[in-house]
N, C-alpha and C. Protein backbone atom coordinates (compact mmCIF):
# COMPACT_ATOMS: atom_id res chain seq x y z
N UNK A 1 -45.94 -62.37 7.36
CA UNK A 1 -46.73 -61.18 7.18
C UNK A 1 -45.79 -59.97 7.08
N UNK A 2 -46.13 -59.07 6.20
CA UNK A 2 -45.32 -57.88 5.99
C UNK A 2 -45.51 -56.93 7.17
N UNK A 3 -44.39 -56.41 7.67
CA UNK A 3 -44.44 -55.43 8.76
C UNK A 3 -44.44 -54.04 8.14
N UNK A 4 -45.35 -53.21 8.60
CA UNK A 4 -45.48 -51.87 8.07
C UNK A 4 -45.02 -50.85 9.10
N UNK A 5 -44.32 -49.83 8.63
CA UNK A 5 -43.85 -48.74 9.48
C UNK A 5 -44.92 -47.65 9.47
N UNK A 6 -45.62 -47.49 10.58
CA UNK A 6 -46.74 -46.54 10.66
C UNK A 6 -46.29 -45.11 10.37
N UNK A 7 -45.14 -44.71 10.88
CA UNK A 7 -44.68 -43.34 10.66
C UNK A 7 -44.40 -43.10 9.17
N UNK A 8 -43.79 -44.09 8.53
CA UNK A 8 -43.53 -44.00 7.09
C UNK A 8 -44.84 -43.86 6.33
N UNK A 9 -45.84 -44.66 6.70
CA UNK A 9 -47.15 -44.59 6.05
C UNK A 9 -47.80 -43.23 6.27
N UNK A 10 -47.73 -42.73 7.50
CA UNK A 10 -48.32 -41.43 7.79
C UNK A 10 -47.73 -40.37 6.88
N UNK A 11 -46.41 -40.39 6.72
CA UNK A 11 -45.73 -39.41 5.88
C UNK A 11 -46.13 -39.57 4.42
N UNK A 12 -46.16 -40.81 3.94
CA UNK A 12 -46.52 -41.07 2.54
C UNK A 12 -47.95 -40.67 2.24
N UNK A 13 -48.88 -41.15 3.08
CA UNK A 13 -50.29 -40.87 2.82
C UNK A 13 -50.60 -39.39 3.01
N UNK A 14 -49.93 -38.73 3.95
CA UNK A 14 -50.12 -37.28 4.11
C UNK A 14 -49.66 -36.55 2.85
N UNK A 15 -48.54 -36.98 2.29
CA UNK A 15 -48.04 -36.36 1.06
C UNK A 15 -49.01 -36.59 -0.09
N UNK A 16 -49.59 -37.77 -0.17
CA UNK A 16 -50.50 -38.10 -1.26
C UNK A 16 -51.91 -37.56 -1.06
N UNK A 17 -52.20 -37.06 0.13
CA UNK A 17 -53.57 -36.61 0.43
C UNK A 17 -53.93 -35.30 -0.26
N UNK A 18 -52.95 -34.59 -0.76
CA UNK A 18 -53.20 -33.29 -1.35
C UNK A 18 -53.20 -33.38 -2.88
N UNK A 19 -54.22 -32.81 -3.50
CA UNK A 19 -54.36 -32.88 -4.97
C UNK A 19 -53.19 -32.22 -5.70
N UNK A 20 -52.69 -31.11 -5.16
CA UNK A 20 -51.56 -30.44 -5.81
C UNK A 20 -50.34 -31.34 -5.79
N UNK A 21 -50.08 -31.98 -4.66
CA UNK A 21 -48.90 -32.86 -4.58
C UNK A 21 -49.04 -34.06 -5.50
N UNK A 22 -50.25 -34.61 -5.61
CA UNK A 22 -50.46 -35.70 -6.56
C UNK A 22 -50.22 -35.20 -7.99
N UNK A 23 -50.66 -33.98 -8.26
CA UNK A 23 -50.43 -33.39 -9.58
C UNK A 23 -48.95 -33.19 -9.86
N UNK A 24 -48.20 -32.77 -8.86
CA UNK A 24 -46.76 -32.61 -9.01
C UNK A 24 -46.12 -33.95 -9.37
N UNK A 25 -46.53 -35.01 -8.69
CA UNK A 25 -45.99 -36.34 -8.99
C UNK A 25 -46.32 -36.75 -10.43
N UNK A 26 -47.54 -36.47 -10.86
CA UNK A 26 -47.91 -36.79 -12.25
C UNK A 26 -47.06 -36.00 -13.23
N UNK A 27 -46.83 -34.73 -12.94
CA UNK A 27 -46.01 -33.88 -13.79
C UNK A 27 -44.57 -34.42 -13.85
N UNK A 28 -44.02 -34.77 -12.69
CA UNK A 28 -42.64 -35.25 -12.65
C UNK A 28 -42.50 -36.64 -13.26
N UNK A 29 -43.58 -37.39 -13.33
CA UNK A 29 -43.53 -38.70 -14.00
C UNK A 29 -43.31 -38.51 -15.50
N UNK A 30 -43.75 -37.35 -16.02
CA UNK A 30 -43.55 -37.06 -17.44
C UNK A 30 -42.15 -36.49 -17.70
N UNK A 31 -41.71 -35.58 -16.81
CA UNK A 31 -40.37 -35.01 -16.97
C UNK A 31 -39.99 -34.23 -15.71
N UNK A 32 -38.70 -34.12 -15.47
CA UNK A 32 -38.19 -33.34 -14.36
C UNK A 32 -38.59 -31.89 -14.57
N UNK A 33 -38.69 -31.14 -13.48
CA UNK A 33 -39.08 -29.73 -13.59
C UNK A 33 -38.49 -28.94 -12.43
N UNK A 34 -38.28 -27.67 -12.68
CA UNK A 34 -37.81 -26.79 -11.61
C UNK A 34 -39.00 -26.41 -10.74
N UNK A 35 -38.70 -25.94 -9.54
CA UNK A 35 -39.78 -25.49 -8.65
C UNK A 35 -40.52 -24.33 -9.31
N UNK A 36 -39.80 -23.47 -10.01
CA UNK A 36 -40.45 -22.35 -10.71
C UNK A 36 -41.43 -22.85 -11.76
N UNK A 37 -41.02 -23.84 -12.52
CA UNK A 37 -41.91 -24.41 -13.55
C UNK A 37 -43.15 -25.04 -12.92
N UNK A 38 -42.94 -25.76 -11.81
CA UNK A 38 -44.07 -26.39 -11.13
C UNK A 38 -45.01 -25.32 -10.57
N UNK A 39 -44.45 -24.26 -9.98
CA UNK A 39 -45.27 -23.19 -9.43
C UNK A 39 -46.11 -22.54 -10.53
N UNK A 40 -45.51 -22.34 -11.68
CA UNK A 40 -46.23 -21.74 -12.80
C UNK A 40 -47.33 -22.68 -13.29
N UNK A 41 -47.01 -23.95 -13.43
CA UNK A 41 -47.99 -24.94 -13.89
C UNK A 41 -49.21 -24.98 -12.98
N UNK A 42 -48.97 -24.92 -11.68
CA UNK A 42 -50.06 -25.04 -10.70
C UNK A 42 -50.57 -23.68 -10.22
N UNK A 43 -50.09 -22.62 -10.87
CA UNK A 43 -50.53 -21.26 -10.58
C UNK A 43 -50.47 -20.95 -9.08
N UNK A 44 -49.28 -21.14 -8.53
CA UNK A 44 -49.07 -20.82 -7.11
C UNK A 44 -47.73 -20.12 -6.93
N UNK A 45 -47.53 -19.62 -5.74
CA UNK A 45 -46.29 -18.91 -5.44
C UNK A 45 -45.14 -19.90 -5.31
N UNK A 46 -43.93 -19.38 -5.46
CA UNK A 46 -42.74 -20.22 -5.27
C UNK A 46 -42.71 -20.78 -3.85
N UNK A 47 -43.05 -19.95 -2.88
CA UNK A 47 -43.05 -20.40 -1.48
C UNK A 47 -44.04 -21.54 -1.28
N UNK A 48 -45.22 -21.41 -1.85
CA UNK A 48 -46.23 -22.46 -1.72
C UNK A 48 -45.76 -23.76 -2.36
N UNK A 49 -45.16 -23.66 -3.54
CA UNK A 49 -44.69 -24.88 -4.22
C UNK A 49 -43.52 -25.49 -3.46
N UNK A 50 -42.64 -24.66 -2.91
CA UNK A 50 -41.52 -25.19 -2.13
C UNK A 50 -42.03 -26.02 -0.95
N UNK A 51 -43.11 -25.56 -0.33
CA UNK A 51 -43.68 -26.31 0.79
C UNK A 51 -44.22 -27.66 0.33
N UNK A 52 -44.92 -27.67 -0.80
CA UNK A 52 -45.44 -28.92 -1.33
C UNK A 52 -44.29 -29.89 -1.67
N UNK A 53 -43.28 -29.37 -2.33
CA UNK A 53 -42.13 -30.20 -2.71
C UNK A 53 -41.42 -30.73 -1.47
N UNK A 54 -41.33 -29.92 -0.43
CA UNK A 54 -40.70 -30.36 0.82
C UNK A 54 -41.44 -31.55 1.43
N UNK A 55 -42.77 -31.50 1.42
CA UNK A 55 -43.56 -32.62 1.94
C UNK A 55 -43.30 -33.88 1.11
N UNK A 56 -43.25 -33.73 -0.20
CA UNK A 56 -42.98 -34.87 -1.09
C UNK A 56 -41.56 -35.41 -0.88
N UNK A 57 -40.61 -34.52 -0.61
CA UNK A 57 -39.23 -34.94 -0.33
C UNK A 57 -39.16 -35.75 0.95
N UNK A 58 -39.84 -35.29 2.00
CA UNK A 58 -39.84 -36.00 3.28
C UNK A 58 -40.39 -37.41 3.13
N UNK A 59 -41.31 -37.59 2.21
CA UNK A 59 -41.90 -38.91 1.97
C UNK A 59 -41.04 -39.76 1.02
N UNK A 60 -39.98 -39.18 0.48
CA UNK A 60 -39.12 -39.91 -0.45
C UNK A 60 -39.70 -40.01 -1.85
N UNK A 61 -40.75 -39.23 -2.12
CA UNK A 61 -41.41 -39.29 -3.42
C UNK A 61 -40.76 -38.37 -4.45
N UNK A 62 -40.04 -37.37 -3.97
CA UNK A 62 -39.38 -36.39 -4.85
C UNK A 62 -37.98 -36.15 -4.32
N UNK A 63 -37.06 -35.92 -5.24
CA UNK A 63 -35.69 -35.54 -4.91
C UNK A 63 -35.42 -34.23 -5.64
N UNK A 64 -34.77 -33.29 -4.94
CA UNK A 64 -34.41 -32.04 -5.60
C UNK A 64 -32.90 -31.89 -5.64
N UNK A 65 -32.47 -31.15 -6.64
CA UNK A 65 -31.05 -30.88 -6.79
C UNK A 65 -30.90 -29.42 -7.20
N UNK A 66 -30.06 -28.71 -6.48
CA UNK A 66 -29.86 -27.30 -6.79
C UNK A 66 -28.60 -27.14 -7.62
N UNK A 67 -28.77 -26.55 -8.78
CA UNK A 67 -27.65 -26.23 -9.66
C UNK A 67 -27.74 -24.74 -9.94
N UNK A 68 -26.79 -24.01 -9.38
CA UNK A 68 -26.84 -22.56 -9.48
C UNK A 68 -28.03 -22.03 -8.69
N UNK A 69 -28.89 -21.30 -9.37
CA UNK A 69 -30.06 -20.74 -8.70
C UNK A 69 -31.32 -21.57 -8.95
N UNK A 70 -31.19 -22.65 -9.69
CA UNK A 70 -32.36 -23.45 -10.07
C UNK A 70 -32.40 -24.75 -9.27
N UNK A 71 -33.53 -25.00 -8.63
CA UNK A 71 -33.74 -26.26 -7.91
C UNK A 71 -34.63 -27.13 -8.78
N UNK A 72 -34.05 -28.24 -9.28
CA UNK A 72 -34.76 -29.15 -10.16
C UNK A 72 -35.32 -30.32 -9.35
N UNK A 73 -36.54 -30.70 -9.67
CA UNK A 73 -37.23 -31.79 -8.98
C UNK A 73 -37.36 -32.99 -9.92
N UNK A 74 -37.23 -34.17 -9.35
CA UNK A 74 -37.47 -35.41 -10.09
C UNK A 74 -38.09 -36.41 -9.13
N UNK A 75 -38.65 -37.47 -9.68
CA UNK A 75 -39.24 -38.50 -8.83
C UNK A 75 -38.19 -39.10 -7.92
N UNK A 76 -38.57 -39.41 -6.71
CA UNK A 76 -37.66 -39.99 -5.73
C UNK A 76 -37.61 -41.51 -5.82
N UNK A 77 -36.96 -42.11 -4.85
CA UNK A 77 -36.76 -43.55 -4.86
C UNK A 77 -37.96 -44.33 -4.32
N UNK A 78 -38.83 -43.67 -3.59
CA UNK A 78 -40.00 -44.37 -3.04
C UNK A 78 -40.93 -44.75 -4.18
N UNK A 79 -41.19 -46.03 -4.30
CA UNK A 79 -42.08 -46.51 -5.36
C UNK A 79 -43.44 -46.91 -4.79
N UNK A 80 -43.66 -46.62 -3.52
CA UNK A 80 -44.94 -46.86 -2.85
C UNK A 80 -45.32 -48.34 -2.81
N UNK A 81 -44.33 -49.23 -2.86
CA UNK A 81 -44.63 -50.67 -2.82
C UNK A 81 -45.27 -51.09 -1.50
N UNK A 82 -44.74 -50.60 -0.38
CA UNK A 82 -45.32 -50.97 0.91
C UNK A 82 -46.73 -50.41 1.06
N UNK A 83 -46.91 -49.19 0.60
CA UNK A 83 -48.23 -48.58 0.68
C UNK A 83 -49.23 -49.35 -0.19
N UNK A 84 -48.78 -49.75 -1.38
CA UNK A 84 -49.65 -50.53 -2.27
C UNK A 84 -49.97 -51.89 -1.66
N UNK A 85 -49.01 -52.51 -1.00
CA UNK A 85 -49.25 -53.81 -0.34
C UNK A 85 -50.26 -53.66 0.79
N UNK A 86 -50.15 -52.57 1.54
CA UNK A 86 -51.08 -52.31 2.65
C UNK A 86 -52.50 -52.13 2.10
N UNK A 87 -52.61 -51.33 1.05
CA UNK A 87 -53.92 -51.11 0.42
C UNK A 87 -54.47 -52.41 -0.14
N UNK A 88 -53.62 -53.21 -0.76
CA UNK A 88 -54.06 -54.48 -1.36
C UNK A 88 -54.61 -55.44 -0.31
N UNK A 89 -53.99 -55.45 0.86
CA UNK A 89 -54.48 -56.31 1.94
C UNK A 89 -55.92 -55.96 2.30
N UNK A 90 -56.19 -54.67 2.39
CA UNK A 90 -57.55 -54.24 2.71
C UNK A 90 -58.50 -54.43 1.54
N UNK A 91 -58.02 -54.26 0.31
CA UNK A 91 -58.85 -54.51 -0.86
C UNK A 91 -59.30 -55.96 -0.89
N UNK A 92 -58.38 -56.87 -0.60
CA UNK A 92 -58.72 -58.29 -0.57
C UNK A 92 -59.74 -58.60 0.53
N UNK A 93 -59.57 -57.99 1.69
CA UNK A 93 -60.50 -58.21 2.79
C UNK A 93 -61.91 -57.75 2.38
N UNK A 94 -62.02 -56.56 1.80
CA UNK A 94 -63.33 -56.05 1.40
C UNK A 94 -63.91 -56.88 0.26
N UNK A 95 -63.08 -57.32 -0.67
CA UNK A 95 -63.57 -58.17 -1.76
C UNK A 95 -64.16 -59.46 -1.20
N UNK A 96 -63.49 -60.06 -0.22
CA UNK A 96 -63.99 -61.30 0.40
C UNK A 96 -65.32 -61.03 1.10
N UNK A 97 -65.43 -59.92 1.79
CA UNK A 97 -66.68 -59.58 2.48
C UNK A 97 -67.82 -59.37 1.49
N UNK A 98 -67.56 -58.69 0.41
CA UNK A 98 -68.60 -58.47 -0.58
C UNK A 98 -68.98 -59.77 -1.29
N UNK A 99 -68.01 -60.65 -1.50
CA UNK A 99 -68.33 -61.96 -2.08
C UNK A 99 -69.27 -62.74 -1.17
N UNK A 100 -69.01 -62.70 0.13
CA UNK A 100 -69.89 -63.38 1.09
C UNK A 100 -71.28 -62.74 1.10
N UNK A 101 -71.34 -61.42 1.01
CA UNK A 101 -72.62 -60.74 0.96
C UNK A 101 -73.39 -61.13 -0.30
N UNK A 102 -72.69 -61.23 -1.43
CA UNK A 102 -73.34 -61.68 -2.67
C UNK A 102 -73.94 -63.07 -2.50
N UNK A 103 -73.24 -63.96 -1.81
CA UNK A 103 -73.77 -65.31 -1.58
C UNK A 103 -75.05 -65.27 -0.75
N UNK A 104 -75.07 -64.42 0.27
CA UNK A 104 -76.27 -64.29 1.12
C UNK A 104 -77.44 -63.76 0.29
N UNK A 105 -77.20 -62.73 -0.51
CA UNK A 105 -78.26 -62.15 -1.34
C UNK A 105 -78.78 -63.20 -2.33
N UNK A 106 -77.89 -63.93 -2.96
CA UNK A 106 -78.31 -64.97 -3.91
C UNK A 106 -79.13 -66.05 -3.21
N UNK A 107 -78.73 -66.43 -2.02
CA UNK A 107 -79.48 -67.43 -1.26
C UNK A 107 -80.87 -66.91 -0.90
N UNK A 108 -80.98 -65.66 -0.50
CA UNK A 108 -82.28 -65.07 -0.20
C UNK A 108 -83.17 -65.03 -1.44
N UNK A 109 -82.59 -64.68 -2.58
CA UNK A 109 -83.36 -64.67 -3.83
C UNK A 109 -83.84 -66.07 -4.18
N UNK A 110 -82.96 -67.04 -3.99
CA UNK A 110 -83.32 -68.43 -4.29
C UNK A 110 -84.47 -68.88 -3.40
N UNK A 111 -84.41 -68.54 -2.12
CA UNK A 111 -85.48 -68.92 -1.19
C UNK A 111 -86.80 -68.25 -1.54
N UNK A 112 -86.74 -66.96 -1.90
CA UNK A 112 -87.97 -66.26 -2.29
C UNK A 112 -88.61 -66.92 -3.50
N UNK A 113 -87.77 -67.25 -4.46
CA UNK A 113 -88.27 -67.88 -5.69
C UNK A 113 -88.87 -69.25 -5.37
N UNK A 114 -88.22 -70.01 -4.48
CA UNK A 114 -88.72 -71.34 -4.10
C UNK A 114 -90.04 -71.25 -3.34
N UNK A 115 -90.24 -70.16 -2.62
CA UNK A 115 -91.48 -69.97 -1.86
C UNK A 115 -92.57 -69.32 -2.72
N UNK A 116 -92.30 -69.11 -3.99
CA UNK A 116 -93.31 -68.57 -4.88
C UNK A 116 -93.42 -67.06 -4.86
N UNK A 117 -92.50 -66.40 -4.27
CA UNK A 117 -92.51 -64.93 -4.24
C UNK A 117 -91.69 -64.40 -5.40
N UNK A 118 -92.20 -63.38 -6.05
CA UNK A 118 -91.39 -62.79 -7.14
C UNK A 118 -90.18 -62.06 -6.58
N UNK A 119 -89.09 -62.09 -7.30
CA UNK A 119 -87.89 -61.41 -6.80
C UNK A 119 -87.79 -60.01 -7.28
């Protein structure tokens, strides 16, 4: 069984919980961008965008590099594999539960039909 680091998950999921940060990741998936460009795209202050980028950096989702006065952002090394595996485990559990529920519903329908009741 895969061992999950709760603190790592907390940091990752906290970073992904904000729509602006998810938008930043989508933007950086297309191309690297400076903090100024990101702030302009999302119509926010430089300070606000720096805070969002900092949260993404702590989660390993973004890496920044300062060249002169420009801080450029790009996607980080975290590929969210562990987070995806954790989510998949729960997806499978819920899928199994819903499959069992479907069987119960089908059995109830079959019994109603056998007893002459319309379904």
